[in-house]
PDB file of N, CA and C in Angstrom:
ATOM      1  N   MET A   1      -8.828 160.863  96.466  1.00  0.00           N
ATOM      2  CA  MET A   1      -7.686 159.969  96.415  1.00  0.00           C
ATOM      3  C   MET A   1      -6.541 160.497  97.272  1.00  0.00           C
ATOM      4  N   VAL A   2      -6.278 161.799  97.171  1.00  0.00           N
ATOM      5  CA  VAL A   2      -5.196 162.390  97.959  1.00  0.00           C
ATOM      6  C   VAL A   2      -5.501 162.247  99.447  1.00  0.00           C
ATOM      7  N   ARG A   3      -6.755 162.434  99.818  1.00  0.00           N
ATOM      8  CA  ARG A   3      -7.151 162.300 101.223  1.00  0.00           C
ATOM      9  C   ARG A   3      -6.889 160.892 101.727  1.00  0.00           C
ATOM     10  N   ILE A   4      -7.218 159.911 100.910  1.00  0.00           N
ATOM     11  CA  ILE A   4      -6.997 158.513 101.289  1.00  0.00           C
ATOM     12  C   ILE A   4      -5.505 158.257 101.480  1.00  0.00           C
ATOM     13  N   LEU A   5      -4.685 158.766 100.564  1.00  0.00           N
ATOM     14  CA  LEU A   5      -3.245 158.585 100.691  1.00  0.00           C
ATOM     15  C   LEU A   5      -2.711 159.251 101.954  1.00  0.00           C
ATOM     16  N   LEU A   6      -3.231 160.427 102.283  1.00  0.00           N
ATOM     17  CA  LEU A   6      -2.803 161.113 103.506  1.00  0.00           C
ATOM     18  C   LEU A   6      -3.196 160.315 104.749  1.00  0.00           C
ATOM     19  N   GLU A   7      -4.398 159.736 104.723  1.00  0.00           N
ATOM     20  CA  GLU A   7      -4.837 158.912 105.855  1.00  0.00           C
ATOM     21  C   GLU A   7      -3.946 157.680 106.006  1.00  0.00           C
ATOM     22  N   ILE A   8      -3.616 157.051 104.893  1.00  0.00           N
ATOM     23  CA  ILE A   8      -2.740 155.878 104.940  1.00  0.00           C
ATOM     24  C   ILE A   8      -1.376 156.275 105.482  1.00  0.00           C
ATOM     25  N   GLU A   9      -0.873 157.409 105.016  1.00  0.00           N
ATOM     26  CA  GLU A   9       0.428 157.883 105.495  1.00  0.00           C
ATOM     27  C   GLU A   9       0.397 158.140 106.999  1.00  0.00           C
ATOM     28  N   GLN A  10      -0.667 158.763 107.480  1.00  0.00           N
ATOM     29  CA  GLN A  10      -0.787 159.025 108.919  1.00  0.00           C
ATOM     30  C   GLN A  10      -0.826 157.722 109.714  1.00  0.00           C
ATOM     31  N   GLU A  11      -1.584 156.761 109.229  1.00  0.00           N
ATOM     32  CA  GLU A  11      -1.670 155.478 109.916  1.00  0.00           C
ATOM     33  C   GLU A  11      -0.338 154.734 109.879  1.00  0.00           C
ATOM     34  N   PHE A  12       0.405 154.910 108.803  1.00  0.00           N
ATOM     35  CA  PHE A  12       1.664 154.201 108.662  1.00  0.00           C
ATOM     36  C   PHE A  12       2.740 154.785 109.574  1.00  0.00           C
ATOM     37  N   PHE A  13       2.817 156.095 109.686  1.00  0.00           N
ATOM     38  CA  PHE A  13       3.912 156.710 110.426  1.00  0.00           C
ATOM     39  C   PHE A  13       3.645 156.882 111.915  1.00  0.00           C
ATOM     40  N   HIS A  14       2.434 156.685 112.377  1.00  0.00           N
ATOM     41  CA  HIS A  14       2.157 156.835 113.807  1.00  0.00           C
ATOM     42  C   HIS A  14       2.407 155.578 114.628  1.00  0.00           C
ATOM     43  N   PRO A  15       2.281 154.374 114.083  1.00  0.00           N
ATOM     44  CA  PRO A  15       2.567 153.187 114.896  1.00  0.00           C
ATOM     45  C   PRO A  15       4.060 153.102 115.267  1.00  0.00           C
ATOM     46  N   SER A  16       4.353 152.160 116.112  1.00  0.00           N
ATOM     47  CA  SER A  16       5.739 151.953 116.538  1.00  0.00           C
ATOM     48  C   SER A  16       6.576 151.466 115.356  1.00  0.00           C
ATOM     49  N   PRO A  17       7.886 151.605 115.449  1.00  0.00           N
ATOM     50  CA  PRO A  17       8.742 151.094 114.371  1.00  0.00           C
ATOM     51  C   PRO A  17       8.506 149.608 114.095  1.00  0.00           C
ATOM     52  N   LYS A  18       8.245 148.842 115.144  1.00  0.00           N
ATOM     53  CA  LYS A  18       7.991 147.402 114.963  1.00  0.00           C
ATOM     54  C   LYS A  18       6.706 147.183 114.155  1.00  0.00           C
ATOM     55  N   GLU A  19       5.672 147.952 114.445  1.00  0.00           N
ATOM     56  CA  GLU A  19       4.415 147.827 113.706  1.00  0.00           C
ATOM     57  C   GLU A  19       4.580 148.288 112.260  1.00  0.00           C
ATOM     58  N   ARG A  20       5.362 149.355 112.060  1.00  0.00           N
ATOM     59  CA  ARG A  20       5.620 149.818 110.693  1.00  0.00           C
ATOM     60  C   ARG A  20       6.388 148.768 109.909  1.00  0.00           C
ATOM     61  N   ALA A  21       7.361 148.128 110.560  1.00  0.00           N
ATOM     62  CA  ALA A  21       8.133 147.088 109.886  1.00  0.00           C
ATOM     63  C   ALA A  21       7.227 145.934 109.470  1.00  0.00           C
ATOM     64  N   ALA A  22       6.312 145.563 110.352  1.00  0.00           N
ATOM     65  CA  ALA A  22       5.385 144.475 110.031  1.00  0.00           C
ATOM     66  C   ALA A  22       4.494 144.854 108.848  1.00  0.00           C
ATOM     67  N   SER A  23       4.016 146.098 108.837  1.00  0.00           N
ATOM     68  CA  SER A  23       3.182 146.562 107.726  1.00  0.00           C
ATOM     69  C   SER A  23       3.964 146.578 106.422  1.00  0.00           C
ATOM     70  N   THR A  24       5.188 147.070 106.488  1.00  0.00           N
ATOM     71  CA  THR A  24       6.034 147.107 105.302  1.00  0.00           C
ATOM     72  C   THR A  24       6.283 145.698 104.779  1.00  0.00           C
ATOM     73  N   HIS A  25       6.552 144.791 105.698  1.00  0.00           N
ATOM     74  CA  HIS A  25       6.772 143.391 105.318  1.00  0.00           C
ATOM     75  C   HIS A  25       5.536 142.846 104.601  1.00  0.00           C
ATOM     76  N   ASN A  26       4.357 143.151 105.115  1.00  0.00           N
ATOM     77  CA  ASN A  26       3.115 142.678 104.483  1.00  0.00           C
ATOM     78  C   ASN A  26       2.946 143.254 103.082  1.00  0.00           C
ATOM     79  N   ILE A  27       3.299 144.529 102.915  1.00  0.00           N
ATOM     80  CA  ILE A  27       3.191 145.158 101.597  1.00  0.00           C
ATOM     81  C   ILE A  27       4.145 144.481 100.612  1.00  0.00           C
ATOM     82  N   ILE A  28       5.373 144.244 101.050  1.00  0.00           N
ATOM     83  CA  ILE A  28       6.358 143.591 100.180  1.00  0.00           C
ATOM     84  C   ILE A  28       5.902 142.179  99.827  1.00  0.00           C
ATOM     85  N   ASP A  29       5.381 141.454 100.814  1.00  0.00           N
ATOM     86  CA  ASP A  29       4.868 140.104 100.543  1.00  0.00           C
ATOM     87  C   ASP A  29       3.756 140.144  99.498  1.00  0.00           C
ATOM     88  N   ASP A  30       2.909 141.172  99.583  1.00  0.00           N
ATOM     89  CA  ASP A  30       1.826 141.295  98.623  1.00  0.00           C
ATOM     90  C   ASP A  30       2.373 141.515  97.218  1.00  0.00           C
ATOM     91  N   PHE A  31       3.394 142.368  97.088  1.00  0.00           N
ATOM     92  CA  PHE A  31       4.006 142.572  95.777  1.00  0.00           C
ATOM     93  C   PHE A  31       4.639 141.285  95.272  1.00  0.00           C
ATOM     94  N   ASP A  32       5.297 140.562  96.167  1.00  0.00           N
ATOM     95  CA  ASP A  32       5.919 139.305  95.771  1.00  0.00           C
ATOM     96  C   ASP A  32       4.894 138.301  95.266  1.00  0.00           C
ATOM     97  N   SER A  33       3.705 138.327  95.846  1.00  0.00           N
ATOM     98  CA  SER A  33       2.689 137.351  95.452  1.00  0.00           C
ATOM     99  C   SER A  33       2.161 137.603  94.049  1.00  0.00           C
ATOM    100  N   VAL A  34       2.297 138.829  93.561  1.00  0.00           N
ATOM    101  CA  VAL A  34       1.821 139.111  92.211  1.00  0.00           C
ATOM    102  C   VAL A  34       2.943 139.006  91.181  1.00  0.00           C
ATOM    103  N   ALA A  35       4.126 138.601  91.625  1.00  0.00           N
ATOM    104  CA  ALA A  35       5.243 138.413  90.704  1.00  0.00           C
ATOM    105  C   ALA A  35       4.910 137.288  89.741  1.00  0.00           C
ATOM    106  N   ASP A  36       5.687 137.201  88.718  1.00  0.00           N
ATOM    107  CA  ASP A  36       5.477 136.179  87.695  1.00  0.00           C
ATOM    108  C   ASP A  36       5.349 134.799  88.330  1.00  0.00           C
ATOM    109  N   GLU A  37       4.200 134.176  88.145  1.00  0.00           N
ATOM    110  CA  GLU A  37       3.958 132.862  88.730  1.00  0.00           C
ATOM    111  C   GLU A  37       4.870 131.794  88.135  1.00  0.00           C
ATOM    112  N   ASN A  38       5.440 132.091  87.006  1.00  0.00           N
ATOM    113  CA  ASN A  38       6.286 131.115  86.325  1.00  0.00           C
ATOM    114  C   ASN A  38       7.760 131.271  86.672  1.00  0.00           C
ATOM    115  N   ILE A  39       8.096 132.143  87.610  1.00  0.00           N
ATOM    116  CA  ILE A  39       9.493 132.463  87.878  1.00  0.00           C
ATOM    117  C   ILE A  39      10.301 131.232  88.279  1.00  0.00           C
ATOM    118  N   ASP A  40       9.744 130.375  89.123  1.00  0.00           N
ATOM    119  CA  ASP A  40      10.471 129.166  89.524  1.00  0.00           C
ATOM    120  C   ASP A  40      10.751 128.265  88.323  1.00  0.00           C
ATOM    121  N   ARG A  41       9.763 128.106  87.476  1.00  0.00           N
ATOM    122  CA  ARG A  41       9.940 127.280  86.283  1.00  0.00           C
ATOM    123  C   ARG A  41      10.992 127.890  85.359  1.00  0.00           C
ATOM    124  N   LEU A  42      10.945 129.206  85.186  1.00  0.00           N
ATOM    125  CA  LEU A  42      11.909 129.867  84.310  1.00  0.00           C
ATOM    126  C   LEU A  42      13.337 129.749  84.845  1.00  0.00           C
ATOM    127  N   TRP A  43      13.513 129.899  86.178  1.00  0.00           N
ATOM    128  CA  TRP A  43      14.847 129.747  86.768  1.00  0.00           C
ATOM    129  C   TRP A  43      15.338 128.307  86.632  1.00  0.00           C
ATOM    130  N   HIS A  44      14.444 127.346  86.789  1.00  0.00           N
ATOM    131  CA  HIS A  44      14.815 125.944  86.632  1.00  0.00           C
ATOM    132  C   HIS A  44      15.280 125.669  85.198  1.00  0.00           C
ATOM    133  N   GLU A  45      14.527 126.186  84.235  1.00  0.00           N
ATOM    134  CA  GLU A  45      14.904 126.002  82.836  1.00  0.00           C
ATOM    135  C   GLU A  45      16.264 126.638  82.548  1.00  0.00           C
ATOM    136  N   GLU A  46      16.508 127.829  83.094  1.00  0.00           N
ATOM    137  CA  GLU A  46      17.792 128.503  82.890  1.00  0.00           C
ATOM    138  C   GLU A  46      18.929 127.705  83.512  1.00  0.00           C
ATOM    139  N   ALA A  47      18.711 127.183  84.711  1.00  0.00           N
ATOM    140  CA  ALA A  47      19.736 126.367  85.372  1.00  0.00           C
ATOM    141  C   ALA A  47      20.039 125.120  84.552  1.00  0.00           C
ATOM    142  N   GLN A  48      19.010 124.481  84.031  1.00  0.00           N
ATOM    143  CA  GLN A  48      19.205 123.292  83.192  1.00  0.00           C
ATOM    144  C   GLN A  48      19.986 123.631  81.929  1.00  0.00           C
ATOM    145  N   ARG A  49      19.647 124.755  81.303  1.00  0.00           N
ATOM    146  CA  ARG A  49      20.336 125.177  80.081  1.00  0.00           C
ATOM    147  C   ARG A  49      21.821 125.410  80.367  1.00  0.00           C
ATOM    148  N   ARG A  50      22.104 126.109  81.463  1.00  0.00           N
ATOM    149  CA  ARG A  50      23.503 126.390  81.809  1.00  0.00           C
ATOM    150  C   ARG A  50      24.263 125.101  82.133  1.00  0.00           C
ATOM    151  N   TYR A  51      23.613 124.187  82.849  1.00  0.00           N
ATOM    152  CA  TYR A  51      24.250 122.917  83.193  1.00  0.00           C
ATOM    153  C   TYR A  51      24.562 122.117  81.927  1.00  0.00           C
ATOM    154  N   GLN A  52      23.600 122.051  81.018  1.00  0.00           N
ATOM    155  CA  GLN A  52      23.815 121.308  79.771  1.00  0.00           C
ATOM    156  C   GLN A  52      24.927 121.939  78.942  1.00  0.00           C
ATOM    157  N   THR A  53      24.997 123.258  78.925  1.00  0.00           N
ATOM    158  CA  THR A  53      26.067 123.956  78.214  1.00  0.00           C
ATOM    159  C   THR A  53      27.414 123.613  78.830  1.00  0.00           C
ATOM    160  N   TYR A  54      27.458 123.581  80.154  1.00  0.00           N
ATOM    161  CA  TYR A  54      28.698 123.217  80.867  1.00  0.00           C
ATOM    162  C   TYR A  54      29.084 121.769  80.563  1.00  0.00           C
ATOM    163  N   MET A  55      28.129 120.853  80.655  1.00  0.00           N
ATOM    164  CA  MET A  55      28.406 119.436  80.413  1.00  0.00           C
ATOM    165  C   MET A  55      28.847 119.172  78.971  1.00  0.00           C
ATOM    166  N   ALA A  56      28.377 119.997  78.037  1.00  0.00           N
ATOM    167  CA  ALA A  56      28.760 119.835  76.632  1.00  0.00           C
ATOM    168  C   ALA A  56      30.146 120.430  76.363  1.00  0.00           C
ATOM    169  N   GLY A  57      30.747 121.033  77.378  1.00  0.00           N
ATOM    170  CA  GLY A  57      32.080 121.595  77.219  1.00  0.00           C
ATOM    171  C   GLY A  57      32.107 122.950  76.535  1.00  0.00           C
ATOM    172  N   GLU A  58      30.942 123.574  76.401  1.00  0.00           N
ATOM    173  CA  GLU A  58      30.860 124.870  75.737  1.00  0.00           C
ATOM    174  C   GLU A  58      31.299 126.015  76.641  1.00  0.00           C
ATOM    175  N   ILE A  59      31.250 125.798  77.938  1.00  0.00           N
ATOM    176  CA  ILE A  59      31.734 126.786  78.904  1.00  0.00           C
ATOM    177  C   ILE A  59      32.539 126.057  79.968  1.00  0.00           C
ATOM    178  N   LYS A  60      33.407 126.793  80.634  1.00  0.00           N
ATOM    179  CA  LYS A  60      34.220 126.200  81.684  1.00  0.00           C
ATOM    180  C   LYS A  60      33.812 126.792  83.031  1.00  0.00           C
ATOM    181  N   ALA A  61      33.987 125.994  84.051  1.00  0.00           N
ATOM    182  CA  ALA A  61      33.673 126.452  85.407  1.00  0.00           C
ATOM    183  C   ALA A  61      34.781 127.365  85.913  1.00  0.00           C
ATOM    184  N   LYS A  62      34.412 128.245  86.838  1.00  0.00           N
ATOM    185  CA  LYS A  62      35.377 129.120  87.497  1.00  0.00           C
ATOM    186  C   LYS A  62      35.335 128.810  88.982  1.00  0.00           C
ATOM    187  N   PRO A  63      36.454 128.967  89.664  1.00  0.00           N
ATOM    188  CA  PRO A  63      36.452 128.753  91.111  1.00  0.00           C
ATOM    189  C   PRO A  63      35.493 129.732  91.790  1.00  0.00           C
ATOM    190  N   ALA A  64      34.784 129.259  92.793  1.00  0.00           N
ATOM    191  CA  ALA A  64      33.809 130.094  93.503  1.00  0.00           C
ATOM    192  C   ALA A  64      34.459 131.351  94.053  1.00  0.00           C
ATOM    193  N   GLN A  65      35.660 131.222  94.599  1.00  0.00           N
ATOM    194  CA  GLN A  65      36.328 132.391  95.182  1.00  0.00           C
ATOM    195  C   GLN A  65      36.527 133.489  94.133  1.00  0.00           C
ATOM    196  N   GLU A  66      36.869 133.090  92.913  1.00  0.00           N
ATOM    197  CA  GLU A  66      37.048 134.060  91.826  1.00  0.00           C
ATOM    198  C   GLU A  66      35.728 134.767  91.505  1.00  0.00           C
ATOM    199  N   VAL A  67      34.673 134.001  91.476  1.00  0.00           N
ATOM    200  CA  VAL A  67      33.350 134.566  91.183  1.00  0.00           C
ATOM    201  C   VAL A  67      32.943 135.547  92.280  1.00  0.00           C
ATOM    202  N   PHE A  68      33.109 135.152  93.541  1.00  0.00           N
ATOM    203  CA  PHE A  68      32.718 136.024  94.645  1.00  0.00           C
ATOM    204  C   PHE A  68      33.581 137.280  94.710  1.00  0.00           C
ATOM    205  N   ASP A  69      34.876 137.128  94.455  1.00  0.00           N
ATOM    206  CA  ASP A  69      35.768 138.290  94.449  1.00  0.00           C
ATOM    207  C   ASP A  69      35.339 139.290  93.379  1.00  0.00           C
ATOM    208  N   LYS A  70      35.006 138.783  92.203  1.00  0.00           N
ATOM    209  CA  LYS A  70      34.581 139.660  91.114  1.00  0.00           C
ATOM    210  C   LYS A  70      33.258 140.338  91.464  1.00  0.00           C
ATOM    211  N   ALA A  71      32.338 139.609  92.083  1.00  0.00           N
ATOM    212  CA  ALA A  71      31.049 140.188  92.476  1.00  0.00           C
ATOM    213  C   ALA A  71      31.262 141.289  93.510  1.00  0.00           C
ATOM    214  N   ARG A  72      32.113 141.052  94.491  1.00  0.00           N
ATOM    215  CA  ARG A  72      32.395 142.080  95.502  1.00  0.00           C
ATOM    216  C   ARG A  72      33.017 143.317  94.871  1.00  0.00           C
ATOM    217  N   TRP A  73      33.939 143.081  93.922  1.00  0.00           N
ATOM    218  CA  TRP A  73      34.576 144.205  93.251  1.00  0.00           C
ATOM    219  C   TRP A  73      33.539 145.035  92.500  1.00  0.00           C
ATOM    220  N   ARG A  74      32.608 144.366  91.801  1.00  0.00           N
ATOM    221  CA  ARG A  74      31.564 145.080  91.049  1.00  0.00           C
ATOM    222  C   ARG A  74      30.639 145.860  91.976  1.00  0.00           C
ATOM    223  N   LEU A  75      30.338 145.310  93.135  1.00  0.00           N
ATOM    224  CA  LEU A  75      29.466 146.008  94.072  1.00  0.00           C
ATOM    225  C   LEU A  75      30.114 147.279  94.607  1.00  0.00           C
ATOM    226  N   ARG A  76      31.421 147.300  94.667  1.00  0.00           N
ATOM    227  CA  ARG A  76      32.133 148.487  95.150  1.00  0.00           C
ATOM    228  C   ARG A  76      32.222 149.587  94.098  1.00  0.00           C
ATOM    229  N   GLN A  77      32.013 149.236  92.835  1.00  0.00           N
ATOM    230  CA  GLN A  77      32.140 150.216  91.735  1.00  0.00           C
ATOM    231  C   GLN A  77      30.974 151.165  91.701  1.00  0.00           C
TER     232      GLN A  77
END
């Protein structure tokens, strides 16, 4: 197993940066393909729940600029 990993490492680091980027992209795509197949449905359900909560007056909207400013501030922390 260690030998196989060493061979993969050698093959990965010897190609050009462009070829390595393409390989990395393929690996990431492969991981993405095994992600939860229901993710789109779950995000849709969450969006619907939040919208219905907003329409029922249970939560209030905030200006986008306020939301983005707060997100930027948190990223700097």
